[in-house]
N, C-alpha and C. Protein backbone atom coordinates (compact mmCIF):
# COMPACT_ATOMS: atom_id res chain seq x y z
N UNK A 1 187.45 283.28 68.91
CA UNK A 1 187.41 283.12 70.37
C UNK A 1 186.94 281.71 70.73
N UNK A 2 187.72 281.00 71.56
CA UNK A 2 187.37 279.66 71.95
C UNK A 2 186.25 279.63 72.97
N UNK A 3 185.77 278.41 73.25
CA UNK A 3 184.67 278.24 74.19
C UNK A 3 185.02 278.75 75.59
N UNK A 4 186.24 278.42 76.05
CA UNK A 4 186.68 278.84 77.39
C UNK A 4 186.75 280.36 77.48
N UNK A 5 187.29 280.99 76.44
CA UNK A 5 187.40 282.45 76.43
C UNK A 5 186.03 283.10 76.41
N UNK A 6 185.12 282.52 75.64
CA UNK A 6 183.76 283.08 75.55
C UNK A 6 183.04 282.97 76.89
N UNK A 7 183.20 281.84 77.57
CA UNK A 7 182.57 281.66 78.88
C UNK A 7 183.14 282.62 79.92
N UNK A 8 184.46 282.82 79.85
CA UNK A 8 185.10 283.75 80.78
C UNK A 8 184.59 285.17 80.56
N UNK A 9 184.43 285.54 79.29
CA UNK A 9 183.92 286.87 78.96
C UNK A 9 182.48 287.03 79.44
N UNK A 10 181.67 285.97 79.26
CA UNK A 10 180.27 286.02 79.70
C UNK A 10 180.18 286.17 81.22
N UNK A 11 181.08 285.49 81.93
CA UNK A 11 181.10 285.60 83.39
C UNK A 11 181.44 287.01 83.84
N UNK A 12 182.42 287.60 83.19
CA UNK A 12 182.81 288.97 83.53
C UNK A 12 181.69 289.95 83.23
N UNK A 13 180.98 289.72 82.12
CA UNK A 13 179.86 290.60 81.76
C UNK A 13 178.73 290.49 82.77
N UNK A 14 178.47 289.28 83.23
CA UNK A 14 177.41 289.09 84.23
C UNK A 14 177.81 289.71 85.57
N UNK A 15 179.06 289.55 85.93
CA UNK A 15 179.55 290.15 87.17
C UNK A 15 179.42 291.67 87.11
N UNK A 16 179.76 292.25 85.98
CA UNK A 16 179.64 293.71 85.80
C UNK A 16 178.18 294.14 85.87
N UNK A 17 177.30 293.32 85.31
CA UNK A 17 175.87 293.61 85.33
C UNK A 17 175.35 293.63 86.77
N UNK A 18 175.80 292.66 87.56
CA UNK A 18 175.40 292.60 88.97
C UNK A 18 175.90 293.85 89.72
N UNK A 19 177.14 294.22 89.50
CA UNK A 19 177.72 295.38 90.18
C UNK A 19 177.03 296.68 89.77
N UNK A 20 176.75 296.83 88.49
CA UNK A 20 176.08 298.06 88.01
C UNK A 20 174.69 298.18 88.63
N UNK A 21 173.97 297.07 88.67
CA UNK A 21 172.62 297.09 89.23
C UNK A 21 172.67 297.39 90.73
N UNK A 22 173.61 296.74 91.43
CA UNK A 22 173.73 296.95 92.87
C UNK A 22 174.07 298.39 93.20
N UNK A 23 174.98 298.98 92.43
CA UNK A 23 175.37 300.36 92.68
C UNK A 23 174.18 301.30 92.58
N UNK A 24 173.37 301.12 91.55
CA UNK A 24 172.19 301.97 91.38
C UNK A 24 171.20 301.78 92.52
N UNK A 25 170.98 300.54 92.91
CA UNK A 25 170.03 300.26 93.99
C UNK A 25 170.54 300.78 95.33
N UNK A 26 171.84 300.65 95.60
CA UNK A 26 172.41 301.14 96.85
C UNK A 26 172.17 302.64 96.99
N UNK A 27 172.34 303.36 95.89
CA UNK A 27 172.18 304.82 95.93
C UNK A 27 170.72 305.22 95.96
N UNK A 28 169.88 304.54 95.16
CA UNK A 28 168.47 304.90 95.07
C UNK A 28 167.68 304.51 96.31
N UNK A 29 167.91 303.30 96.81
CA UNK A 29 167.10 302.78 97.91
C UNK A 29 167.82 302.75 99.25
N UNK A 30 169.15 302.87 99.21
CA UNK A 30 169.93 302.73 100.43
C UNK A 30 170.43 301.30 100.55
N UNK A 31 171.55 301.14 101.21
CA UNK A 31 172.16 299.82 101.33
C UNK A 31 171.28 298.87 102.15
N UNK A 32 170.70 299.38 103.23
CA UNK A 32 169.88 298.53 104.09
C UNK A 32 168.65 297.98 103.37
N UNK A 33 168.07 298.80 102.50
CA UNK A 33 166.86 298.40 101.80
C UNK A 33 167.13 297.56 100.56
N UNK A 34 168.38 297.48 100.16
CA UNK A 34 168.75 296.67 98.98
C UNK A 34 169.13 295.27 99.44
N UNK A 35 168.56 294.28 98.78
CA UNK A 35 168.83 292.88 99.12
C UNK A 35 169.41 292.16 97.91
N UNK A 36 170.00 291.01 98.16
CA UNK A 36 170.48 290.18 97.05
C UNK A 36 169.32 289.85 96.12
N UNK A 37 168.16 289.60 96.71
CA UNK A 37 166.97 289.28 95.90
C UNK A 37 166.59 290.45 94.99
N UNK A 38 166.63 291.67 95.52
CA UNK A 38 166.26 292.83 94.70
C UNK A 38 167.29 293.08 93.60
N UNK A 39 168.55 292.79 93.89
CA UNK A 39 169.58 292.92 92.86
C UNK A 39 169.35 291.91 91.76
N UNK A 40 169.07 290.66 92.15
CA UNK A 40 168.81 289.60 91.17
C UNK A 40 167.60 289.93 90.31
N UNK A 41 166.55 290.44 90.95
CA UNK A 41 165.32 290.77 90.23
C UNK A 41 165.56 291.87 89.20
N UNK A 42 166.39 292.85 89.56
CA UNK A 42 166.63 293.98 88.67
C UNK A 42 167.36 293.59 87.39
N UNK A 43 168.09 292.46 87.43
CA UNK A 43 168.80 292.01 86.23
C UNK A 43 168.16 290.75 85.64
N UNK A 44 167.03 290.35 86.25
CA UNK A 44 166.26 289.20 85.74
C UNK A 44 167.05 287.90 85.80
N UNK A 45 167.77 287.71 86.91
CA UNK A 45 168.48 286.46 87.16
C UNK A 45 168.04 285.92 88.52
N UNK A 46 168.38 284.67 88.79
CA UNK A 46 168.02 284.07 90.06
C UNK A 46 168.94 284.55 91.17
N UNK A 47 168.46 284.45 92.41
CA UNK A 47 169.27 284.81 93.57
C UNK A 47 170.54 283.96 93.62
N UNK A 48 170.38 282.69 93.27
CA UNK A 48 171.52 281.78 93.28
C UNK A 48 172.63 282.22 92.36
N UNK A 49 172.26 282.81 91.23
CA UNK A 49 173.27 283.28 90.28
C UNK A 49 174.12 284.38 90.89
N UNK A 50 173.49 285.29 91.62
CA UNK A 50 174.23 286.37 92.27
C UNK A 50 175.19 285.80 93.31
N UNK A 51 174.73 284.79 94.04
CA UNK A 51 175.57 284.18 95.08
C UNK A 51 176.76 283.42 94.50
N UNK A 52 176.68 283.05 93.24
CA UNK A 52 177.82 282.41 92.59
C UNK A 52 179.00 283.38 92.52
N UNK A 53 178.68 284.66 92.38
CA UNK A 53 179.72 285.69 92.22
C UNK A 53 180.08 286.40 93.51
N UNK A 54 179.12 286.53 94.42
CA UNK A 54 179.36 287.28 95.65
C UNK A 54 178.72 286.55 96.84
N UNK A 55 179.48 286.42 97.93
CA UNK A 55 178.99 285.65 99.07
C UNK A 55 177.86 286.36 99.81
N UNK A 56 177.86 287.72 99.77
CA UNK A 56 176.81 288.48 100.43
C UNK A 56 176.82 289.92 99.91
N UNK A 57 175.92 290.71 100.46
CA UNK A 57 175.78 292.10 100.01
C UNK A 57 177.03 292.93 100.31
N UNK A 58 177.66 292.67 101.44
CA UNK A 58 178.87 293.40 101.80
C UNK A 58 180.00 293.16 100.80
N UNK A 59 180.06 291.96 100.26
CA UNK A 59 181.08 291.64 99.27
C UNK A 59 180.87 292.47 98.00
N UNK A 60 179.61 292.67 97.63
CA UNK A 60 179.29 293.51 96.48
C UNK A 60 179.68 294.96 96.77
N UNK A 61 179.33 295.41 97.95
CA UNK A 61 179.62 296.78 98.36
C UNK A 61 181.13 297.04 98.34
N UNK A 62 181.89 296.11 98.89
CA UNK A 62 183.35 296.26 98.91
C UNK A 62 183.95 296.26 97.52
N UNK A 63 183.42 295.41 96.66
CA UNK A 63 183.91 295.34 95.28
C UNK A 63 183.69 296.67 94.56
N UNK A 64 182.50 297.23 94.73
CA UNK A 64 182.18 298.52 94.10
C UNK A 64 183.07 299.62 94.65
N UNK A 65 183.24 299.62 95.96
CA UNK A 65 184.06 300.62 96.63
C UNK A 65 185.49 300.59 96.09
N UNK A 66 186.07 299.40 96.02
CA UNK A 66 187.43 299.23 95.51
C UNK A 66 187.51 299.61 94.04
N UNK A 67 186.50 299.24 93.29
CA UNK A 67 186.45 299.54 91.86
C UNK A 67 186.46 301.05 91.62
N UNK A 68 185.68 301.77 92.41
CA UNK A 68 185.61 303.22 92.25
C UNK A 68 186.94 303.90 92.53
N UNK A 69 187.60 303.49 93.61
CA UNK A 69 188.87 304.11 93.95
C UNK A 69 189.97 303.73 92.95
N UNK A 70 189.88 302.54 92.39
CA UNK A 70 190.85 302.15 91.37
C UNK A 70 190.68 303.04 90.13
N UNK A 71 189.45 303.34 89.81
CA UNK A 71 189.16 304.21 88.66
C UNK A 71 189.68 305.62 88.91
N UNK A 72 189.40 306.14 90.09
CA UNK A 72 189.87 307.49 90.43
C UNK A 72 191.39 307.52 90.51
N UNK A 73 191.99 306.50 91.12
CA UNK A 73 193.44 306.43 91.22
C UNK A 73 194.10 306.37 89.86
N UNK A 74 193.46 305.68 88.93
CA UNK A 74 193.99 305.61 87.56
C UNK A 74 194.04 306.98 86.90
N UNK A 75 193.04 307.81 87.19
CA UNK A 75 193.04 309.17 86.64
C UNK A 75 194.19 309.99 87.23
N UNK A 76 194.42 309.84 88.53
CA UNK A 76 195.49 310.59 89.18
C UNK A 76 196.87 310.16 88.68
N UNK A 77 197.01 308.87 88.34
CA UNK A 77 198.31 308.37 87.87
C UNK A 77 198.74 309.05 86.58
N UNK A 78 197.77 309.48 85.80
CA UNK A 78 198.07 310.17 84.55
C UNK A 78 198.86 311.45 84.81
N UNK A 79 198.67 312.01 86.03
CA UNK A 79 199.32 313.28 86.36
C UNK A 79 200.70 313.10 87.00
N UNK A 80 201.16 311.87 87.13
CA UNK A 80 202.43 311.61 87.80
C UNK A 80 203.61 312.30 87.11
N UNK A 81 203.48 312.51 85.81
CA UNK A 81 204.59 313.12 85.06
C UNK A 81 204.64 314.64 85.20
N UNK A 82 203.61 315.24 85.79
CA UNK A 82 203.57 316.70 85.93
C UNK A 82 204.50 317.11 87.07
N UNK A 83 205.62 317.71 86.73
CA UNK A 83 206.65 318.03 87.72
C UNK A 83 206.26 319.17 88.64
N UNK A 84 205.61 320.19 88.10
CA UNK A 84 205.21 321.34 88.92
C UNK A 84 204.06 320.93 89.84
N UNK A 85 204.29 320.90 91.17
CA UNK A 85 203.27 320.39 92.09
C UNK A 85 201.99 321.22 92.10
N UNK A 86 202.11 322.54 91.90
CA UNK A 86 200.92 323.38 91.89
C UNK A 86 200.06 323.08 90.68
N UNK A 87 200.71 322.89 89.53
CA UNK A 87 199.96 322.53 88.33
C UNK A 87 199.30 321.16 88.51
N UNK A 88 200.01 320.24 89.17
CA UNK A 88 199.47 318.90 89.41
C UNK A 88 198.28 318.97 90.35
N UNK A 89 198.39 319.79 91.40
CA UNK A 89 197.30 319.95 92.36
C UNK A 89 196.04 320.48 91.69
N UNK A 90 196.21 321.47 90.85
CA UNK A 90 195.07 322.07 90.14
C UNK A 90 194.43 321.04 89.21
N UNK A 91 195.27 320.28 88.51
CA UNK A 91 194.77 319.26 87.59
C UNK A 91 194.06 318.14 88.34
N UNK A 92 194.56 317.78 89.52
CA UNK A 92 193.92 316.75 90.33
C UNK A 92 192.49 317.16 90.68
N UNK A 93 192.31 318.42 91.04
CA UNK A 93 190.97 318.91 91.37
C UNK A 93 190.02 318.81 90.19
N UNK A 94 190.53 319.16 89.02
CA UNK A 94 189.68 319.11 87.83
C UNK A 94 189.31 317.66 87.48
N UNK A 95 190.27 316.76 87.63
CA UNK A 95 189.98 315.35 87.36
C UNK A 95 189.00 314.77 88.38
N UNK A 96 189.15 315.19 89.63
CA UNK A 96 188.25 314.74 90.70
C UNK A 96 186.82 315.16 90.38
N UNK A 97 186.66 316.40 89.98
CA UNK A 97 185.33 316.92 89.63
C UNK A 97 184.77 316.18 88.42
N UNK A 98 185.61 315.95 87.42
CA UNK A 98 185.18 315.23 86.22
C UNK A 98 184.70 313.83 86.58
N UNK A 99 185.45 313.15 87.44
CA UNK A 99 185.06 311.81 87.87
C UNK A 99 183.72 311.84 88.58
N UNK A 100 183.53 312.78 89.50
CA UNK A 100 182.29 312.88 90.25
C UNK A 100 181.09 313.17 89.34
N UNK A 101 181.27 314.09 88.40
CA UNK A 101 180.16 314.47 87.52
C UNK A 101 179.79 313.34 86.55
N UNK A 102 180.78 312.56 86.13
CA UNK A 102 180.52 311.49 85.17
C UNK A 102 180.09 310.19 85.85
N UNK A 103 180.35 310.06 87.15
CA UNK A 103 180.03 308.82 87.88
C UNK A 103 179.32 309.15 89.20
N UNK A 104 178.17 309.81 89.13
CA UNK A 104 177.51 310.26 90.37
C UNK A 104 177.13 309.15 91.33
N UNK A 105 176.64 308.02 90.81
CA UNK A 105 176.26 306.91 91.69
C UNK A 105 177.49 306.34 92.39
N UNK A 106 178.55 306.13 91.63
CA UNK A 106 179.78 305.61 92.21
C UNK A 106 180.36 306.60 93.22
N UNK A 107 180.31 307.87 92.90
CA UNK A 107 180.85 308.89 93.79
C UNK A 107 180.12 308.90 95.13
N UNK A 108 178.81 308.81 95.08
CA UNK A 108 178.04 308.79 96.33
C UNK A 108 178.39 307.56 97.17
N UNK A 109 178.56 306.42 96.50
CA UNK A 109 178.91 305.21 97.22
C UNK A 109 180.29 305.34 97.87
N UNK A 110 181.22 305.98 97.17
CA UNK A 110 182.59 306.12 97.67
C UNK A 110 182.70 307.12 98.81
N UNK A 111 181.97 308.23 98.71
CA UNK A 111 182.21 309.35 99.62
C UNK A 111 181.03 309.83 100.45
N UNK A 112 179.83 309.31 100.18
CA UNK A 112 178.66 309.81 100.90
C UNK A 112 177.99 308.73 101.75
N UNK A 113 177.75 307.57 101.17
CA UNK A 113 177.08 306.50 101.92
C UNK A 113 177.94 306.02 103.08
N UNK A 114 177.30 305.79 104.23
CA UNK A 114 178.02 305.34 105.42
C UNK A 114 178.37 303.85 105.36
N UNK A 115 177.60 303.11 104.59
CA UNK A 115 177.71 301.65 104.62
C UNK A 115 179.12 301.10 104.41
N UNK A 116 179.90 301.59 103.42
CA UNK A 116 181.24 301.03 103.25
C UNK A 116 182.11 301.18 104.49
N UNK A 117 181.97 302.29 105.20
CA UNK A 117 182.76 302.52 106.40
C UNK A 117 182.26 301.65 107.55
N UNK A 118 180.95 301.41 107.58
CA UNK A 118 180.39 300.54 108.62
C UNK A 118 180.87 299.11 108.44
N UNK A 119 181.01 298.69 107.20
CA UNK A 119 181.54 297.35 106.92
C UNK A 119 182.97 297.23 107.43
N UNK A 120 183.76 298.29 107.22
CA UNK A 120 185.13 298.29 107.70
C UNK A 120 185.18 298.26 109.23
N UNK A 121 184.28 299.01 109.85
CA UNK A 121 184.25 299.05 111.32
C UNK A 121 183.94 297.67 111.90
N UNK A 122 183.16 296.90 111.18
CA UNK A 122 182.77 295.57 111.66
C UNK A 122 183.86 294.53 111.44
N UNK A 123 184.78 294.84 110.52
CA UNK A 123 185.86 293.89 110.21
C UNK A 123 187.07 294.18 111.09
N UNK A 124 187.65 293.15 111.66
CA UNK A 124 188.80 293.32 112.54
C UNK A 124 190.06 293.59 111.72
N UNK A 125 190.87 294.52 112.24
CA UNK A 125 192.17 294.83 111.65
C UNK A 125 192.07 295.30 110.19
N UNK A 126 190.94 295.91 109.83
CA UNK A 126 190.79 296.42 108.48
C UNK A 126 190.90 297.94 108.49
N UNK A 127 191.52 298.49 107.45
CA UNK A 127 191.63 299.94 107.32
C UNK A 127 191.05 300.36 105.97
N UNK A 128 190.74 301.65 105.87
CA UNK A 128 190.21 302.18 104.62
C UNK A 128 191.40 302.47 103.70
N UNK A 129 191.99 301.41 103.15
CA UNK A 129 193.21 301.54 102.37
C UNK A 129 193.04 302.42 101.13
N UNK A 130 191.86 302.29 100.49
CA UNK A 130 191.63 303.09 99.29
C UNK A 130 191.60 304.58 99.63
N UNK A 131 190.92 304.91 100.72
CA UNK A 131 190.85 306.31 101.13
C UNK A 131 192.19 306.84 101.58
N UNK A 132 192.93 306.01 102.33
CA UNK A 132 194.26 306.42 102.79
C UNK A 132 195.17 306.70 101.60
N UNK A 133 195.13 305.83 100.61
CA UNK A 133 195.97 305.99 99.43
C UNK A 133 195.64 307.27 98.68
N UNK A 134 194.34 307.53 98.46
CA UNK A 134 193.92 308.73 97.73
C UNK A 134 194.31 310.00 98.49
N UNK A 135 194.09 309.98 99.81
CA UNK A 135 194.43 311.16 100.61
C UNK A 135 195.94 311.39 100.62
N UNK A 136 196.71 310.31 100.66
CA UNK A 136 198.17 310.43 100.69
C UNK A 136 198.70 311.05 99.40
N UNK A 137 198.12 310.67 98.27
CA UNK A 137 198.52 311.25 96.99
C UNK A 137 198.30 312.76 96.99
N UNK A 138 197.13 313.17 97.48
CA UNK A 138 196.82 314.59 97.55
C UNK A 138 197.73 315.31 98.55
N UNK A 139 197.91 314.70 99.72
CA UNK A 139 198.75 315.32 100.75
C UNK A 139 200.20 315.46 100.28
N UNK A 140 200.72 314.47 99.59
CA UNK A 140 202.09 314.53 99.08
C UNK A 140 202.25 315.70 98.11
N UNK A 141 201.25 315.90 97.27
CA UNK A 141 201.29 317.01 96.33
C UNK A 141 201.25 318.35 97.06
N UNK A 142 200.43 318.45 98.09
CA UNK A 142 200.36 319.67 98.90
C UNK A 142 201.71 319.93 99.58
N UNK A 143 202.32 318.88 100.11
CA UNK A 143 203.64 319.01 100.75
C UNK A 143 204.68 319.50 99.76
N UNK A 144 204.61 319.02 98.53
CA UNK A 144 205.55 319.46 97.50
C UNK A 144 205.30 320.91 97.12
N UNK A 145 204.04 321.32 97.16
CA UNK A 145 203.71 322.74 96.91
C UNK A 145 204.32 323.62 98.00
N UNK A 146 204.22 323.18 99.24
CA UNK A 146 204.80 323.94 100.36
C UNK A 146 206.31 324.02 100.22
N UNK A 147 206.93 322.92 99.81
CA UNK A 147 208.39 322.91 99.60
C UNK A 147 208.79 323.84 98.47
N UNK A 148 207.86 324.10 97.54
CA UNK A 148 208.13 325.00 96.42
C UNK A 148 207.68 326.43 96.72
N UNK A 149 207.52 326.72 98.03
CA UNK A 149 207.19 328.07 98.52
C UNK A 149 205.76 328.52 98.25
N UNK A 150 204.87 327.58 98.10
CA UNK A 150 203.44 327.91 98.08
C UNK A 150 202.88 327.67 99.48
N UNK A 151 201.75 328.26 99.78
CA UNK A 151 201.02 328.02 101.03
C UNK A 151 201.87 328.27 102.28
N UNK A 152 202.62 329.37 102.28
CA UNK A 152 203.48 329.67 103.43
C UNK A 152 202.66 329.84 104.70
N UNK A 153 203.14 329.21 105.78
CA UNK A 153 202.47 329.31 107.07
C UNK A 153 201.34 328.31 107.26
N UNK A 154 201.12 327.44 106.28
CA UNK A 154 200.04 326.47 106.37
C UNK A 154 200.59 325.08 106.67
N UNK A 155 199.79 324.28 107.37
CA UNK A 155 200.16 322.91 107.70
C UNK A 155 199.60 321.97 106.63
N UNK A 156 200.38 321.02 106.16
CA UNK A 156 199.97 320.18 105.04
C UNK A 156 198.71 319.34 105.27
N UNK A 157 198.60 318.69 106.42
CA UNK A 157 197.45 317.79 106.61
C UNK A 157 196.13 318.53 106.69
N UNK A 158 195.98 319.56 107.55
CA UNK A 158 194.70 320.26 107.57
C UNK A 158 194.41 321.00 106.26
N UNK A 159 195.47 321.48 105.59
CA UNK A 159 195.26 322.15 104.31
C UNK A 159 194.76 321.15 103.27
N UNK A 160 195.34 319.97 103.26
CA UNK A 160 194.90 318.91 102.35
C UNK A 160 193.44 318.57 102.62
N UNK A 161 193.09 318.44 103.89
CA UNK A 161 191.71 318.13 104.26
C UNK A 161 190.77 319.23 103.81
N UNK A 162 191.18 320.48 103.95
CA UNK A 162 190.34 321.60 103.54
C UNK A 162 190.10 321.57 102.04
N UNK A 163 191.16 321.34 101.26
CA UNK A 163 191.04 321.30 99.80
C UNK A 163 190.09 320.18 99.38
N UNK A 164 190.31 319.00 99.95
CA UNK A 164 189.45 317.84 99.64
C UNK A 164 188.00 318.15 100.01
N UNK A 165 187.79 318.70 101.20
CA UNK A 165 186.44 318.97 101.69
C UNK A 165 185.71 319.96 100.81
N UNK A 166 186.42 320.99 100.37
CA UNK A 166 185.77 322.01 99.55
C UNK A 166 185.34 321.46 98.20
N UNK A 167 186.26 320.74 97.55
CA UNK A 167 185.94 320.18 96.23
C UNK A 167 184.86 319.11 96.36
N UNK A 168 184.98 318.27 97.40
CA UNK A 168 183.95 317.25 97.63
C UNK A 168 182.59 317.90 97.88
N UNK A 169 182.58 318.94 98.68
CA UNK A 169 181.32 319.61 99.01
C UNK A 169 180.61 320.13 97.77
N UNK A 170 181.36 320.74 96.86
CA UNK A 170 180.75 321.24 95.63
C UNK A 170 180.18 320.10 94.80
N UNK A 171 180.95 319.02 94.68
CA UNK A 171 180.49 317.85 93.90
C UNK A 171 179.24 317.25 94.53
N UNK A 172 179.27 317.09 95.84
CA UNK A 172 178.16 316.46 96.55
C UNK A 172 176.89 317.29 96.44
N UNK A 173 177.00 318.59 96.58
CA UNK A 173 175.83 319.46 96.47
C UNK A 173 175.22 319.39 95.08
N UNK A 174 176.07 319.31 94.08
CA UNK A 174 175.56 319.24 92.71
C UNK A 174 174.89 317.89 92.44
N UNK A 175 175.54 316.81 92.86
CA UNK A 175 175.00 315.47 92.61
C UNK A 175 173.66 315.28 93.31
N UNK A 176 173.50 315.87 94.49
CA UNK A 176 172.24 315.74 95.23
C UNK A 176 171.20 316.78 94.83
N UNK A 177 171.46 317.48 93.72
CA UNK A 177 170.52 318.47 93.16
C UNK A 177 170.30 319.69 94.05
N UNK A 178 171.18 319.90 95.01
CA UNK A 178 171.04 321.09 95.85
C UNK A 178 171.34 322.37 95.08
N UNK A 179 172.19 322.28 94.07
CA UNK A 179 172.50 323.48 93.30
C UNK A 179 171.30 323.93 92.47
N UNK A 180 170.51 322.99 91.97
CA UNK A 180 169.28 323.34 91.26
C UNK A 180 168.24 323.89 92.22
N UNK A 181 168.27 323.37 93.44
CA UNK A 181 167.26 323.76 94.42
C UNK A 181 167.32 325.21 94.84
N UNK A 182 168.49 325.83 94.74
CA UNK A 182 168.60 327.24 95.15
C UNK A 182 168.55 328.19 93.95
N UNK A 183 168.16 327.65 92.79
CA UNK A 183 167.91 328.45 91.58
C UNK A 183 169.12 329.27 91.15
N UNK A 184 170.25 328.60 91.04
CA UNK A 184 171.45 329.27 90.53
C UNK A 184 171.27 329.56 89.04
N UNK A 185 171.87 330.63 88.58
CA UNK A 185 171.73 331.02 87.17
C UNK A 185 172.35 330.01 86.22
N UNK A 186 173.47 329.41 86.64
CA UNK A 186 174.17 328.45 85.79
C UNK A 186 174.48 327.19 86.60
N UNK A 187 173.43 326.55 87.08
CA UNK A 187 173.59 325.41 87.98
C UNK A 187 174.39 324.26 87.36
N UNK A 188 174.23 324.06 86.05
CA UNK A 188 174.90 322.94 85.40
C UNK A 188 176.42 323.11 85.36
N UNK A 189 176.87 324.34 85.45
CA UNK A 189 178.30 324.61 85.35
C UNK A 189 178.88 325.20 86.64
N UNK A 190 178.09 325.20 87.69
CA UNK A 190 178.51 325.90 88.91
C UNK A 190 179.70 325.24 89.59
N UNK A 191 179.84 323.93 89.49
CA UNK A 191 180.96 323.26 90.14
C UNK A 191 182.28 323.68 89.50
N UNK A 192 182.32 323.65 88.18
CA UNK A 192 183.54 324.08 87.48
C UNK A 192 183.83 325.55 87.76
N UNK A 193 182.79 326.37 87.74
CA UNK A 193 182.97 327.80 87.99
C UNK A 193 183.42 328.04 89.43
N UNK A 194 182.82 327.29 90.36
CA UNK A 194 183.19 327.41 91.76
C UNK A 194 184.64 327.01 91.99
N UNK A 195 185.08 325.97 91.28
CA UNK A 195 186.46 325.52 91.43
C UNK A 195 187.43 326.59 90.92
N UNK A 196 187.09 327.23 89.83
CA UNK A 196 187.96 328.29 89.30
C UNK A 196 188.05 329.46 90.28
N UNK A 197 186.94 329.76 90.96
CA UNK A 197 186.98 330.81 91.99
C UNK A 197 187.86 330.38 93.16
N UNK A 198 187.76 329.12 93.53
CA UNK A 198 188.60 328.58 94.61
C UNK A 198 190.07 328.68 94.25
N UNK A 199 190.40 328.41 92.98
CA UNK A 199 191.81 328.47 92.56
C UNK A 199 192.39 329.88 92.68
N UNK A 200 191.54 330.88 92.44
CA UNK A 200 192.00 332.25 92.58
C UNK A 200 192.46 332.53 94.01
N UNK A 201 191.73 331.96 94.96
CA UNK A 201 192.09 332.11 96.37
C UNK A 201 193.33 331.28 96.69
N UNK A 202 193.34 330.03 96.19
CA UNK A 202 194.43 329.09 96.48
C UNK A 202 195.77 329.63 95.98
N UNK A 203 195.77 330.24 94.82
CA UNK A 203 197.02 330.73 94.22
C UNK A 203 197.59 331.92 94.99
N UNK A 204 196.78 332.55 95.83
CA UNK A 204 197.25 333.69 96.61
C UNK A 204 197.88 333.26 97.93
N UNK A 205 197.69 331.99 98.31
CA UNK A 205 198.21 331.54 99.59
C UNK A 205 199.72 331.37 99.55
């Protein structure tokens, strides 16, 4: 590896270190309480070093937000070859849950913290493109299910929203330790078990 390649790799590693630290602090302390200084301190670098990579805290937040949706979208792309829309829909739910359970900090930043949406609200002519794209993929699959005679009498958009909300709710409750708080017998596996119960209902529609 040449000098230029090594320096480029070191820069990418430092950028990833900044993002990983920021994500943890955003979730643990909240976006408002997290500063560039606190991010720099957590990785033992100067404030100036962080500013070399990101102009401000919102830039870090946006990068993480985009990164998370790219990761989730990559998982969904794996299912593009699944022709049966109902099988694809079921698999999407399982992948969504897997992503949430394996990336709790990122999941909270993507779907729970208000800050990313507030940044969009402050920016002119900006839309939540990552969210729109993810929702469209799910909605398209639901529409294909309806075309294949599933979900008779149901409207695609509200049904898509209901499916997303239910799966998100289970993930969010588990990540925030609410499932442990109510003393469930199998709290560690309740999201997967809950999803299987939901599928029993979904398949009857």
